[in-house]
């Protein structure tokens, strides 16, 4: 008697499929080739408790809401040297002066005259433990020299460390603070200038944050059950076949994805890598039965659920504040792994001369 897979147990899965002949950039190919090996990945991961996350959300719901529904580009930041929360006003002035010095070149790059002003502030409500440093929120605003002289935000960024590795945090010398995640919404030109200022001021290293196919699989499994109380958004997965420049998109009804995961997942407090692998292989098997395509030979490059959307190139969009800590704590873990296993990263945000 043939073994019954979890997919067969839950019945037909409602899904949509799209095949697209699209060119895959060399950047995507290089990202796929630089995946973190399985041996470096934990075999189990804990799930943040609802009680902790609900308390955190009550601290600063308005500002946390500003983090949602925006396209963020993710960067990795090494520990900052002599960063002080008491000097945020000074950092605002210093970065503004730096932008003023670069005014002419910056205006040419983005096509408008700018009077740029930076503002640093605390971003409360993102700490899961007492050991986590407070998050920092940065905005760059500009005032056009052409009427109407309105000031508008042209760049937004925030740094955080959510449920960071206690051993690593305690091992840092007192002059350092660890905020390993930088989220950016703005032009590459402004991002490169902000990064240049940070690297010069705090003797840190800022690099593009890539997400491997393996970690995207973890995201798909961890977030599939996080849609209660939020808008039901279909689960979307995207694979690429670089050799033939083919993109495959799969859309799954959220209740079907949850039913499959519930048939696999057992422990409410943690997720095992075997469960992640079985979840993805069940989707692969179901897809192969219907379309004759073996997804195991492709590369997963994008995952989208009701919680968040993540792409292998580091683009991220947060949809749901209720589960924002599941996302940020996992990304923080990946950032610490990147610091420990890949100290010499191949791509950094270089200052544009």
C-alpha atoms as a PDB file:
ATOM      1  CA  UNK A   1       0.000   0.000   0.000  1.00  0.00           C
ATOM      2  CA  UNK A   2       1.403   3.351  -0.999  1.00  0.00           C
ATOM      3  CA  UNK A   3       2.267   5.803   1.749  1.00  0.00           C
ATOM      4  CA  UNK A   4      -0.132   8.706   2.163  1.00  0.00           C
ATOM      5  CA  UNK A   5       1.551  12.115   2.041  1.00  0.00           C
ATOM      6  CA  UNK A   6       0.254  15.047   4.144  1.00  0.00           C
ATOM      7  CA  UNK A   7      -0.978  16.673   0.937  1.00  0.00           C
ATOM      8  CA  UNK A   8      -3.145  13.663   0.149  1.00  0.00           C
ATOM      9  CA  UNK A   9      -4.550  13.670   3.653  1.00  0.00           C
ATOM     10  CA  UNK A  10      -5.983  17.173   3.375  1.00  0.00           C
ATOM     11  CA  UNK A  11      -7.508  16.667  -0.050  1.00  0.00           C
ATOM     12  CA  UNK A  12      -7.255  18.925  -3.108  1.00  0.00           C
ATOM     13  CA  UNK A  13      -5.250  22.098  -2.649  1.00  0.00           C
ATOM     14  CA  UNK A  14      -6.617  25.304  -4.145  1.00  0.00           C
ATOM     15  CA  UNK A  15      -3.767  26.956  -5.978  1.00  0.00           C
ATOM     16  CA  UNK A  16      -2.811  29.004  -8.980  1.00  0.00           C
ATOM     17  CA  UNK A  17       0.299  28.598 -11.085  1.00  0.00           C
ATOM     18  CA  UNK A  18       2.156  30.933 -13.407  1.00  0.00           C
ATOM     19  CA  UNK A  19       5.110  30.086 -15.665  1.00  0.00           C
ATOM     20  CA  UNK A  20       7.061  33.049 -16.993  1.00  0.00           C
ATOM     21  CA  UNK A  21      10.022  33.223 -19.343  1.00  0.00           C
ATOM     22  CA  UNK A  22      11.971  35.927 -17.549  1.00  0.00           C
ATOM     23  CA  UNK A  23      15.679  36.610 -17.487  1.00  0.00           C
ATOM     24  CA  UNK A  24      17.358  36.015 -14.150  1.00  0.00           C
ATOM     25  CA  UNK A  25      19.918  38.636 -13.213  1.00  0.00           C
ATOM     26  CA  UNK A  26      23.503  37.709 -12.462  1.00  0.00           C
ATOM     27  CA  UNK A  27      22.932  39.094  -8.953  1.00  0.00           C
ATOM     28  CA  UNK A  28      20.164  36.551  -8.319  1.00  0.00           C
ATOM     29  CA  UNK A  29      22.341  33.737  -9.657  1.00  0.00           C
ATOM     30  CA  UNK A  30      25.244  34.734  -7.431  1.00  0.00           C
ATOM     31  CA  UNK A  31      22.883  34.932  -4.450  1.00  0.00           C
ATOM     32  CA  UNK A  32      21.644  31.400  -5.092  1.00  0.00           C
ATOM     33  CA  UNK A  33      25.201  30.122  -5.305  1.00  0.00           C
ATOM     34  CA  UNK A  34      26.173  31.657  -1.949  1.00  0.00           C
ATOM     35  CA  UNK A  35      23.649  29.892   0.264  1.00  0.00           C
ATOM     36  CA  UNK A  36      24.571  29.159   3.848  1.00  0.00           C
ATOM     37  CA  UNK A  37      25.257  25.404   4.163  1.00  0.00           C
ATOM     38  CA  UNK A  38      22.685  23.262   6.017  1.00  0.00           C
ATOM     39  CA  UNK A  39      25.198  22.337   8.681  1.00  0.00           C
ATOM     40  CA  UNK A  40      25.217  25.947   9.893  1.00  0.00           C
ATOM     41  CA  UNK A  41      21.436  26.056  10.325  1.00  0.00           C
ATOM     42  CA  UNK A  42      19.768  25.097  13.639  1.00  0.00           C
ATOM     43  CA  UNK A  43      17.704  21.910  13.456  1.00  0.00           C
ATOM     44  CA  UNK A  44      14.987  23.549  15.575  1.00  0.00           C
ATOM     45  CA  UNK A  45      13.775  27.092  16.098  1.00  0.00           C
ATOM     46  CA  UNK A  46      11.593  28.464  18.877  1.00  0.00           C
ATOM     47  CA  UNK A  47       8.399  30.406  18.195  1.00  0.00           C
ATOM     48  CA  UNK A  48       8.033  33.723  20.124  1.00  0.00           C
ATOM     49  CA  UNK A  49       5.155  33.494  22.604  1.00  0.00           C
ATOM     50  CA  UNK A  50       1.992  35.525  22.034  1.00  0.00           C
ATOM     51  CA  UNK A  51       2.095  36.996  25.563  1.00  0.00           C
ATOM     52  CA  UNK A  52       5.501  38.593  24.969  1.00  0.00           C
ATOM     53  CA  UNK A  53       4.650  39.984  21.546  1.00  0.00           C
ATOM     54  CA  UNK A  54       1.329  41.437  22.695  1.00  0.00           C
ATOM     55  CA  UNK A  55       3.046  43.336  25.525  1.00  0.00           C
ATOM     56  CA  UNK A  56       5.650  44.719  23.122  1.00  0.00           C
ATOM     57  CA  UNK A  57       3.021  45.850  20.634  1.00  0.00           C
ATOM     58  CA  UNK A  58       1.241  47.933  23.264  1.00  0.00           C
ATOM     59  CA  UNK A  59       4.334  50.098  23.796  1.00  0.00           C
ATOM     60  CA  UNK A  60       4.415  51.906  20.464  1.00  0.00           C
ATOM     61  CA  UNK A  61       1.611  50.797  18.107  1.00  0.00           C
ATOM     62  CA  UNK A  62       1.538  54.024  16.065  1.00  0.00           C
ATOM     63  CA  UNK A  63       5.202  54.012  15.095  1.00  0.00           C
ATOM     64  CA  UNK A  64       5.291  50.259  14.528  1.00  0.00           C
ATOM     65  CA  UNK A  65       2.381  50.741  12.121  1.00  0.00           C
ATOM     66  CA  UNK A  66       4.716  52.937  10.029  1.00  0.00           C
ATOM     67  CA  UNK A  67       6.860  49.867   9.358  1.00  0.00           C
ATOM     68  CA  UNK A  68       4.024  48.002   7.651  1.00  0.00           C
ATOM     69  CA  UNK A  69       3.053  47.902   3.967  1.00  0.00           C
ATOM     70  CA  UNK A  70       6.366  49.412   2.811  1.00  0.00           C
ATOM     71  CA  UNK A  71       8.973  47.817   0.573  1.00  0.00           C
ATOM     72  CA  UNK A  72      12.141  47.536   2.660  1.00  0.00           C
ATOM     73  CA  UNK A  73      15.588  46.624   1.436  1.00  0.00           C
ATOM     74  CA  UNK A  74      17.494  44.706   4.079  1.00  0.00           C
ATOM     75  CA  UNK A  75      21.153  45.214   5.046  1.00  0.00           C
ATOM     76  CA  UNK A  76      23.477  43.608   7.558  1.00  0.00           C
ATOM     77  CA  UNK A  77      25.388  45.847   9.989  1.00  0.00           C
ATOM     78  CA  UNK A  78      28.361  44.836  12.125  1.00  0.00           C
ATOM     79  CA  UNK A  79      28.471  46.150  15.728  1.00  0.00           C
ATOM     80  CA  UNK A  80      28.611  49.942  16.041  1.00  0.00           C
ATOM     81  CA  UNK A  81      31.588  51.429  17.878  1.00  0.00           C
ATOM     82  CA  UNK A  82      30.818  54.133  20.462  1.00  0.00           C
ATOM     83  CA  UNK A  83      27.204  54.576  19.397  1.00  0.00           C
ATOM     84  CA  UNK A  84      25.219  56.400  22.101  1.00  0.00           C
ATOM     85  CA  UNK A  85      21.461  56.861  22.398  1.00  0.00           C
ATOM     86  CA  UNK A  86      22.144  60.086  24.295  1.00  0.00           C
ATOM     87  CA  UNK A  87      23.707  61.583  21.142  1.00  0.00           C
ATOM     88  CA  UNK A  88      20.880  61.045  18.647  1.00  0.00           C
ATOM     89  CA  UNK A  89      20.401  64.806  18.209  1.00  0.00           C
ATOM     90  CA  UNK A  90      24.100  65.189  17.448  1.00  0.00           C
ATOM     91  CA  UNK A  91      23.931  62.359  14.917  1.00  0.00           C
ATOM     92  CA  UNK A  92      20.991  64.116  13.278  1.00  0.00           C
ATOM     93  CA  UNK A  93      23.033  67.306  12.914  1.00  0.00           C
ATOM     94  CA  UNK A  94      26.174  65.506  11.758  1.00  0.00           C
ATOM     95  CA  UNK A  95      24.385  63.497   9.074  1.00  0.00           C
ATOM     96  CA  UNK A  96      22.565  66.646   7.923  1.00  0.00           C
ATOM     97  CA  UNK A  97      25.907  68.425   7.581  1.00  0.00           C
ATOM     98  CA  UNK A  98      27.268  65.453   5.657  1.00  0.00           C
ATOM     99  CA  UNK A  99      24.325  65.627   3.257  1.00  0.00           C
ATOM    100  CA  UNK A 100      24.773  69.366   2.868  1.00  0.00           C
ATOM    101  CA  UNK A 101      28.384  68.777   1.822  1.00  0.00           C
ATOM    102  CA  UNK A 102      27.168  66.278  -0.787  1.00  0.00           C
ATOM    103  CA  UNK A 103      24.244  68.459  -1.878  1.00  0.00           C
ATOM    104  CA  UNK A 104      25.310  69.186  -5.439  1.00  0.00           C
ATOM    105  CA  UNK A 105      26.185  65.629  -6.375  1.00  0.00           C
ATOM    106  CA  UNK A 106      23.074  64.243  -4.683  1.00  0.00           C
ATOM    107  CA  UNK A 107      20.785  66.717  -6.442  1.00  0.00           C
ATOM    108  CA  UNK A 108      22.216  65.721  -9.817  1.00  0.00           C
ATOM    109  CA  UNK A 109      21.700  62.024  -9.042  1.00  0.00           C
ATOM    110  CA  UNK A 110      17.999  62.239  -8.113  1.00  0.00           C
ATOM    111  CA  UNK A 111      17.039  65.195 -10.263  1.00  0.00           C
ATOM    112  CA  UNK A 112      15.916  67.814  -7.725  1.00  0.00           C
ATOM    113  CA  UNK A 113      17.440  70.503  -5.541  1.00  0.00           C
ATOM    114  CA  UNK A 114      17.587  69.353  -1.970  1.00  0.00           C
ATOM    115  CA  UNK A 115      17.903  70.869   1.447  1.00  0.00           C
ATOM    116  CA  UNK A 116      18.322  67.614   3.310  1.00  0.00           C
ATOM    117  CA  UNK A 117      17.732  67.139   7.012  1.00  0.00           C
ATOM    118  CA  UNK A 118      18.329  63.956   8.996  1.00  0.00           C
ATOM    119  CA  UNK A 119      16.456  62.940  12.116  1.00  0.00           C
ATOM    120  CA  UNK A 120      17.406  60.121  14.496  1.00  0.00           C
ATOM    121  CA  UNK A 121      14.921  58.859  17.084  1.00  0.00           C
ATOM    122  CA  UNK A 122      14.245  55.849  19.290  1.00  0.00           C
ATOM    123  CA  UNK A 123      11.897  53.181  17.949  1.00  0.00           C
ATOM    124  CA  UNK A 124      10.346  51.701  21.077  1.00  0.00           C
ATOM    125  CA  UNK A 125       8.400  48.460  21.160  1.00  0.00           C
ATOM    126  CA  UNK A 126      10.724  46.168  19.202  1.00  0.00           C
ATOM    127  CA  UNK A 127      12.572  44.601  22.133  1.00  0.00           C
ATOM    128  CA  UNK A 128      11.691  41.004  22.996  1.00  0.00           C
ATOM    129  CA  UNK A 129      14.233  40.688  25.823  1.00  0.00           C
ATOM    130  CA  UNK A 130      15.877  43.084  28.234  1.00  0.00           C
ATOM    131  CA  UNK A 131      19.198  42.405  26.521  1.00  0.00           C
ATOM    132  CA  UNK A 132      18.038  43.690  23.124  1.00  0.00           C
ATOM    133  CA  UNK A 133      19.270  47.217  22.302  1.00  0.00           C
ATOM    134  CA  UNK A 134      16.567  49.762  21.512  1.00  0.00           C
ATOM    135  CA  UNK A 135      15.793  50.119  17.824  1.00  0.00           C
ATOM    136  CA  UNK A 136      16.724  53.354  16.035  1.00  0.00           C
ATOM    137  CA  UNK A 137      14.556  55.141  13.462  1.00  0.00           C
ATOM    138  CA  UNK A 138      16.097  57.471  10.841  1.00  0.00           C
ATOM    139  CA  UNK A 139      14.399  59.775   8.371  1.00  0.00           C
ATOM    140  CA  UNK A 140      15.916  62.000   5.698  1.00  0.00           C
ATOM    141  CA  UNK A 141      13.642  64.825   4.618  1.00  0.00           C
ATOM    142  CA  UNK A 142      14.134  67.437   1.931  1.00  0.00           C
ATOM    143  CA  UNK A 143      12.620  70.726   0.914  1.00  0.00           C
ATOM    144  CA  UNK A 144      12.379  71.496  -2.776  1.00  0.00           C
ATOM    145  CA  UNK A 145      13.715  74.855  -3.935  1.00  0.00           C
ATOM    146  CA  UNK A 146      10.856  75.075  -6.423  1.00  0.00           C
ATOM    147  CA  UNK A 147       7.358  76.109  -5.225  1.00  0.00           C
ATOM    148  CA  UNK A 148       5.523  74.701  -3.429  1.00  0.00           C
ATOM    149  CA  UNK A 149       8.320  74.586  -0.857  1.00  0.00           C
ATOM    150  CA  UNK A 150       7.054  71.477   0.876  1.00  0.00           C
ATOM    151  CA  UNK A 151       9.241  69.281   3.037  1.00  0.00           C
ATOM    152  CA  UNK A 152       8.888  65.578   2.362  1.00  0.00           C
ATOM    153  CA  UNK A 153      10.536  62.390   3.579  1.00  0.00           C
ATOM    154  CA  UNK A 154      12.821  61.000   0.859  1.00  0.00           C
ATOM    155  CA  UNK A 155      14.476  58.183   2.814  1.00  0.00           C
ATOM    156  CA  UNK A 156      13.537  56.074   5.831  1.00  0.00           C
ATOM    157  CA  UNK A 157      15.604  53.514   7.680  1.00  0.00           C
ATOM    158  CA  UNK A 158      15.612  51.675  10.981  1.00  0.00           C
ATOM    159  CA  UNK A 159      18.063  49.467  12.831  1.00  0.00           C
ATOM    160  CA  UNK A 160      17.064  46.764  15.278  1.00  0.00           C
ATOM    161  CA  UNK A 161      18.077  43.649  17.176  1.00  0.00           C
ATOM    162  CA  UNK A 162      15.122  41.461  18.197  1.00  0.00           C
ATOM    163  CA  UNK A 163      15.738  38.485  20.485  1.00  0.00           C
ATOM    164  CA  UNK A 164      19.452  38.661  19.767  1.00  0.00           C
ATOM    165  CA  UNK A 165      21.880  35.924  20.757  1.00  0.00           C
ATOM    166  CA  UNK A 166      22.655  36.593  24.427  1.00  0.00           C
ATOM    167  CA  UNK A 167      26.079  34.971  24.319  1.00  0.00           C
ATOM    168  CA  UNK A 168      27.161  37.160  21.421  1.00  0.00           C
ATOM    169  CA  UNK A 169      25.719  40.345  22.954  1.00  0.00           C
ATOM    170  CA  UNK A 170      27.450  39.713  26.283  1.00  0.00           C
ATOM    171  CA  UNK A 171      30.753  38.980  24.541  1.00  0.00           C
ATOM    172  CA  UNK A 172      30.886  42.427  22.931  1.00  0.00           C
ATOM    173  CA  UNK A 173      33.200  45.007  24.528  1.00  0.00           C
ATOM    174  CA  UNK A 174      31.357  47.823  26.278  1.00  0.00           C
ATOM    175  CA  UNK A 175      32.139  50.316  23.505  1.00  0.00           C
ATOM    176  CA  UNK A 176      30.076  48.344  20.976  1.00  0.00           C
ATOM    177  CA  UNK A 177      26.344  48.039  20.421  1.00  0.00           C
ATOM    178  CA  UNK A 178      24.784  45.449  18.127  1.00  0.00           C
ATOM    179  CA  UNK A 179      21.974  46.505  15.778  1.00  0.00           C
ATOM    180  CA  UNK A 180      22.573  43.965  12.989  1.00  0.00           C
ATOM    181  CA  UNK A 181      19.511  44.691  10.837  1.00  0.00           C
ATOM    182  CA  UNK A 182      19.095  47.830   8.737  1.00  0.00           C
ATOM    183  CA  UNK A 183      15.813  48.279   6.856  1.00  0.00           C
ATOM    184  CA  UNK A 184      15.830  50.886   4.096  1.00  0.00           C
ATOM    185  CA  UNK A 185      13.111  52.542   2.048  1.00  0.00           C
ATOM    186  CA  UNK A 186      14.635  55.037  -0.374  1.00  0.00           C
ATOM    187  CA  UNK A 187      16.968  55.514  -3.301  1.00  0.00           C
ATOM    188  CA  UNK A 188      20.275  53.680  -3.602  1.00  0.00           C
ATOM    189  CA  UNK A 189      22.086  57.008  -3.822  1.00  0.00           C
ATOM    190  CA  UNK A 190      20.862  58.179  -0.424  1.00  0.00           C
ATOM    191  CA  UNK A 191      21.380  54.705   1.032  1.00  0.00           C
ATOM    192  CA  UNK A 192      25.024  54.706  -0.063  1.00  0.00           C
ATOM    193  CA  UNK A 193      25.557  58.116   1.542  1.00  0.00           C
ATOM    194  CA  UNK A 194      23.935  57.070   4.821  1.00  0.00           C
ATOM    195  CA  UNK A 195      25.980  53.857   4.795  1.00  0.00           C
ATOM    196  CA  UNK A 196      29.185  55.795   4.124  1.00  0.00           C
ATOM    197  CA  UNK A 197      28.473  58.089   7.070  1.00  0.00           C
ATOM    198  CA  UNK A 198      27.688  55.150   9.376  1.00  0.00           C
ATOM    199  CA  UNK A 199      30.808  53.238   8.373  1.00  0.00           C
ATOM    200  CA  UNK A 200      32.994  56.284   8.933  1.00  0.00           C
ATOM    201  CA  UNK A 201      31.334  57.398  12.182  1.00  0.00           C
ATOM    202  CA  UNK A 202      30.907  54.034  13.925  1.00  0.00           C
ATOM    203  CA  UNK A 203      33.671  51.975  12.306  1.00  0.00           C
ATOM    204  CA  UNK A 204      31.129  49.400  11.145  1.00  0.00           C
ATOM    205  CA  UNK A 205      30.577  47.432   7.952  1.00  0.00           C
ATOM    206  CA  UNK A 206      27.267  47.517   6.062  1.00  0.00           C
ATOM    207  CA  UNK A 207      26.497  44.848   3.488  1.00  0.00           C
ATOM    208  CA  UNK A 208      23.568  43.672   1.410  1.00  0.00           C
ATOM    209  CA  UNK A 209      21.516  41.027   3.222  1.00  0.00           C
ATOM    210  CA  UNK A 210      20.676  38.041   1.019  1.00  0.00           C
ATOM    211  CA  UNK A 211      18.212  35.321   1.995  1.00  0.00           C
ATOM    212  CA  UNK A 212      18.964  31.766   0.889  1.00  0.00           C
ATOM    213  CA  UNK A 213      16.385  29.360  -0.536  1.00  0.00           C
ATOM    214  CA  UNK A 214      16.733  27.268   2.596  1.00  0.00           C
ATOM    215  CA  UNK A 215      15.859  30.191   4.850  1.00  0.00           C
ATOM    216  CA  UNK A 216      12.961  31.145   2.599  1.00  0.00           C
ATOM    217  CA  UNK A 217      11.650  27.614   3.191  1.00  0.00           C
ATOM    218  CA  UNK A 218      11.857  28.239   6.935  1.00  0.00           C
ATOM    219  CA  UNK A 219       9.926  31.479   6.472  1.00  0.00           C
ATOM    220  CA  UNK A 220       7.207  29.731   4.488  1.00  0.00           C
ATOM    221  CA  UNK A 221       6.763  27.117   7.205  1.00  0.00           C
ATOM    222  CA  UNK A 222       6.973  29.490  10.173  1.00  0.00           C
ATOM    223  CA  UNK A 223       4.552  32.063   8.766  1.00  0.00           C
ATOM    224  CA  UNK A 224       1.946  29.783   7.189  1.00  0.00           C
ATOM    225  CA  UNK A 225      -0.004  29.496  10.447  1.00  0.00           C
ATOM    226  CA  UNK A 226       0.092  33.223  11.283  1.00  0.00           C
ATOM    227  CA  UNK A 227      -3.008  34.595   9.619  1.00  0.00           C
ATOM    228  CA  UNK A 228      -5.617  34.439  12.372  1.00  0.00           C
ATOM    229  CA  UNK A 229      -6.950  37.906  13.136  1.00  0.00           C
ATOM    230  CA  UNK A 230      -5.480  39.385   9.969  1.00  0.00           C
ATOM    231  CA  UNK A 231      -6.547  39.714   6.362  1.00  0.00           C
ATOM    232  CA  UNK A 232      -6.419  36.291   4.741  1.00  0.00           C
ATOM    233  CA  UNK A 233      -3.714  36.576   2.125  1.00  0.00           C
ATOM    234  CA  UNK A 234      -2.867  33.713  -0.196  1.00  0.00           C
ATOM    235  CA  UNK A 235       0.489  32.069   0.237  1.00  0.00           C
ATOM    236  CA  UNK A 236       2.691  32.754  -2.779  1.00  0.00           C
ATOM    237  CA  UNK A 237       5.928  30.997  -3.648  1.00  0.00           C
ATOM    238  CA  UNK A 238       8.234  31.756  -6.547  1.00  0.00           C
ATOM    239  CA  UNK A 239      10.973  29.570  -8.006  1.00  0.00           C
ATOM    240  CA  UNK A 240      13.494  30.231 -10.751  1.00  0.00           C
ATOM    241  CA  UNK A 241      15.226  27.935 -13.220  1.00  0.00           C
ATOM    242  CA  UNK A 242      18.292  30.008 -14.193  1.00  0.00           C
ATOM    243  CA  UNK A 243      19.441  27.626 -16.925  1.00  0.00           C
ATOM    244  CA  UNK A 244      16.303  28.231 -19.006  1.00  0.00           C
ATOM    245  CA  UNK A 245      15.399  31.671 -17.594  1.00  0.00           C
ATOM    246  CA  UNK A 246      12.061  30.430 -16.260  1.00  0.00           C
ATOM    247  CA  UNK A 247      10.077  31.718 -13.283  1.00  0.00           C
ATOM    248  CA  UNK A 248       7.378  29.561 -11.661  1.00  0.00           C
ATOM    249  CA  UNK A 249       4.833  31.158  -9.329  1.00  0.00           C
ATOM    250  CA  UNK A 250       2.540  29.117  -7.078  1.00  0.00           C
ATOM    251  CA  UNK A 251      -0.433  30.590  -5.185  1.00  0.00           C
ATOM    252  CA  UNK A 252      -2.036  28.530  -2.401  1.00  0.00           C
ATOM    253  CA  UNK A 253      -5.228  29.301  -0.496  1.00  0.00           C
ATOM    254  CA  UNK A 254      -4.206  30.191   3.107  1.00  0.00           C
ATOM    255  CA  UNK A 255      -6.533  27.634   4.693  1.00  0.00           C
ATOM    256  CA  UNK A 256      -5.114  24.850   2.533  1.00  0.00           C
ATOM    257  CA  UNK A 257      -1.546  25.846   3.382  1.00  0.00           C
ATOM    258  CA  UNK A 258      -2.439  25.921   7.090  1.00  0.00           C
ATOM    259  CA  UNK A 259      -4.151  22.518   6.903  1.00  0.00           C
ATOM    260  CA  UNK A 260      -1.046  21.008   5.330  1.00  0.00           C
ATOM    261  CA  UNK A 261       1.201  22.558   7.976  1.00  0.00           C
ATOM    262  CA  UNK A 262      -1.093  21.434  10.821  1.00  0.00           C
ATOM    263  CA  UNK A 263      -0.875  17.857   9.516  1.00  0.00           C
ATOM    264  CA  UNK A 264       2.917  18.047   9.860  1.00  0.00           C
ATOM    265  CA  UNK A 265       3.678  20.346  12.794  1.00  0.00           C
ATOM    266  CA  UNK A 266       3.445  18.940  16.318  1.00  0.00           C
ATOM    267  CA  UNK A 267       5.219  21.174  18.860  1.00  0.00           C
ATOM    268  CA  UNK A 268       3.575  24.565  19.482  1.00  0.00           C
ATOM    269  CA  UNK A 269       6.772  26.054  20.928  1.00  0.00           C
ATOM    270  CA  UNK A 270       9.279  25.179  18.226  1.00  0.00           C
ATOM    271  CA  UNK A 271       9.679  24.116  14.613  1.00  0.00           C
ATOM    272  CA  UNK A 272      11.997  21.332  13.466  1.00  0.00           C
ATOM    273  CA  UNK A 273      13.896  21.333  10.193  1.00  0.00           C
ATOM    274  CA  UNK A 274      12.362  17.932   9.357  1.00  0.00           C
ATOM    275  CA  UNK A 275       8.926  19.585   9.448  1.00  0.00           C
ATOM    276  CA  UNK A 276      10.102  22.351   7.135  1.00  0.00           C
ATOM    277  CA  UNK A 277      11.531  19.832   4.687  1.00  0.00           C
ATOM    278  CA  UNK A 278       8.350  17.701   4.765  1.00  0.00           C
ATOM    279  CA  UNK A 279       6.153  20.775   4.241  1.00  0.00           C
ATOM    280  CA  UNK A 280       8.096  21.842   1.164  1.00  0.00           C
ATOM    281  CA  UNK A 281       8.450  18.317  -0.238  1.00  0.00           C
ATOM    282  CA  UNK A 282       4.674  17.867   0.101  1.00  0.00           C
ATOM    283  CA  UNK A 283       4.128  21.008  -1.971  1.00  0.00           C
ATOM    284  CA  UNK A 284       6.699  19.768  -4.484  1.00  0.00           C
ATOM    285  CA  UNK A 285       4.959  16.386  -4.761  1.00  0.00           C
ATOM    286  CA  UNK A 286       1.534  17.952  -5.200  1.00  0.00           C
ATOM    287  CA  UNK A 287       2.895  20.297  -7.868  1.00  0.00           C
ATOM    288  CA  UNK A 288       4.601  17.451  -9.719  1.00  0.00           C
ATOM    289  CA  UNK A 289       1.429  15.344  -9.775  1.00  0.00           C
ATOM    290  CA  UNK A 290      -0.541  18.182 -11.364  1.00  0.00           C
ATOM    291  CA  UNK A 291       2.034  19.793 -13.669  1.00  0.00           C
ATOM    292  CA  UNK A 292       4.858  17.293 -14.102  1.00  0.00           C
ATOM    293  CA  UNK A 293       7.482  19.786 -12.904  1.00  0.00           C
ATOM    294  CA  UNK A 294      10.029  18.821 -10.256  1.00  0.00           C
ATOM    295  CA  UNK A 295      10.461  21.918  -8.099  1.00  0.00           C
ATOM    296  CA  UNK A 296      13.342  20.270  -6.252  1.00  0.00           C
ATOM    297  CA  UNK A 297      15.474  21.111  -9.295  1.00  0.00           C
ATOM    298  CA  UNK A 298      14.616  24.820  -9.041  1.00  0.00           C
ATOM    299  CA  UNK A 299      15.562  27.621  -6.621  1.00  0.00           C
ATOM    300  CA  UNK A 300      13.026  29.184  -4.263  1.00  0.00           C
ATOM    301  CA  UNK A 301      13.504  32.968  -4.518  1.00  0.00           C
ATOM    302  CA  UNK A 302      10.352  34.476  -2.974  1.00  0.00           C
ATOM    303  CA  UNK A 303       7.840  33.732  -0.211  1.00  0.00           C
ATOM    304  CA  UNK A 304       4.733  35.765   0.571  1.00  0.00           C
ATOM    305  CA  UNK A 305       2.208  35.101   3.355  1.00  0.00           C
ATOM    306  CA  UNK A 306      -0.213  37.120   5.471  1.00  0.00           C
ATOM    307  CA  UNK A 307       2.733  37.995   7.731  1.00  0.00           C
ATOM    308  CA  UNK A 308       5.346  39.235   5.283  1.00  0.00           C
ATOM    309  CA  UNK A 309       6.830  38.949   1.821  1.00  0.00           C
ATOM    310  CA  UNK A 310      10.525  38.147   1.431  1.00  0.00           C
ATOM    311  CA  UNK A 311      12.743  37.875  -1.647  1.00  0.00           C
ATOM    312  CA  UNK A 312      16.188  36.310  -1.895  1.00  0.00           C
ATOM    313  CA  UNK A 313      17.698  39.695  -2.821  1.00  0.00           C
ATOM    314  CA  UNK A 314      16.790  41.087   0.613  1.00  0.00           C
ATOM    315  CA  UNK A 315      13.554  42.882  -0.250  1.00  0.00           C
ATOM    316  CA  UNK A 316      10.986  42.575   2.518  1.00  0.00           C
ATOM    317  CA  UNK A 317       7.468  43.826   3.168  1.00  0.00           C
ATOM    318  CA  UNK A 318       5.761  43.502   6.557  1.00  0.00           C
ATOM    319  CA  UNK A 319       1.987  43.062   6.462  1.00  0.00           C
ATOM    320  CA  UNK A 320       0.963  42.224  10.018  1.00  0.00           C
ATOM    321  CA  UNK A 321       2.055  43.935  13.252  1.00  0.00           C
ATOM    322  CA  UNK A 322       0.742  41.039  15.348  1.00  0.00           C
ATOM    323  CA  UNK A 323       3.448  38.729  14.029  1.00  0.00           C
ATOM    324  CA  UNK A 324       6.198  41.254  13.311  1.00  0.00           C
ATOM    325  CA  UNK A 325       8.365  39.744  16.060  1.00  0.00           C
ATOM    326  CA  UNK A 326       8.389  36.314  14.446  1.00  0.00           C
ATOM    327  CA  UNK A 327       9.825  37.956  11.342  1.00  0.00           C
ATOM    328  CA  UNK A 328      12.340  40.220  13.071  1.00  0.00           C
ATOM    329  CA  UNK A 329      13.624  37.604  15.515  1.00  0.00           C
ATOM    330  CA  UNK A 330      14.272  35.178  12.648  1.00  0.00           C
ATOM    331  CA  UNK A 331      16.046  37.845  10.588  1.00  0.00           C
ATOM    332  CA  UNK A 332      18.111  38.795  13.642  1.00  0.00           C
ATOM    333  CA  UNK A 333      19.163  35.162  13.996  1.00  0.00           C
ATOM    334  CA  UNK A 334      20.211  35.088  10.343  1.00  0.00           C
ATOM    335  CA  UNK A 335      22.161  38.318  10.843  1.00  0.00           C
ATOM    336  CA  UNK A 336      24.082  36.790  13.757  1.00  0.00           C
ATOM    337  CA  UNK A 337      24.828  33.699  11.658  1.00  0.00           C
ATOM    338  CA  UNK A 338      26.066  35.976   8.883  1.00  0.00           C
ATOM    339  CA  UNK A 339      28.370  37.737  11.332  1.00  0.00           C
ATOM    340  CA  UNK A 340      29.761  34.454  12.686  1.00  0.00           C
ATOM    341  CA  UNK A 341      30.077  32.425   9.484  1.00  0.00           C
ATOM    342  CA  UNK A 342      30.610  35.064   6.816  1.00  0.00           C
ATOM    343  CA  UNK A 343      32.783  37.792   8.369  1.00  0.00           C
ATOM    344  CA  UNK A 344      34.245  38.765   4.985  1.00  0.00           C
ATOM    345  CA  UNK A 345      31.146  39.473   2.938  1.00  0.00           C
ATOM    346  CA  UNK A 346      31.564  39.765  -0.800  1.00  0.00           C
ATOM    347  CA  UNK A 347      29.371  42.810  -1.329  1.00  0.00           C
ATOM    348  CA  UNK A 348      29.171  45.957   0.751  1.00  0.00           C
ATOM    349  CA  UNK A 349      27.493  49.309   0.302  1.00  0.00           C
ATOM    350  CA  UNK A 350      30.356  51.323  -1.097  1.00  0.00           C
ATOM    351  CA  UNK A 351      30.473  55.085  -0.990  1.00  0.00           C
ATOM    352  CA  UNK A 352      29.704  56.448  -4.450  1.00  0.00           C
ATOM    353  CA  UNK A 353      32.524  58.660  -5.609  1.00  0.00           C
END
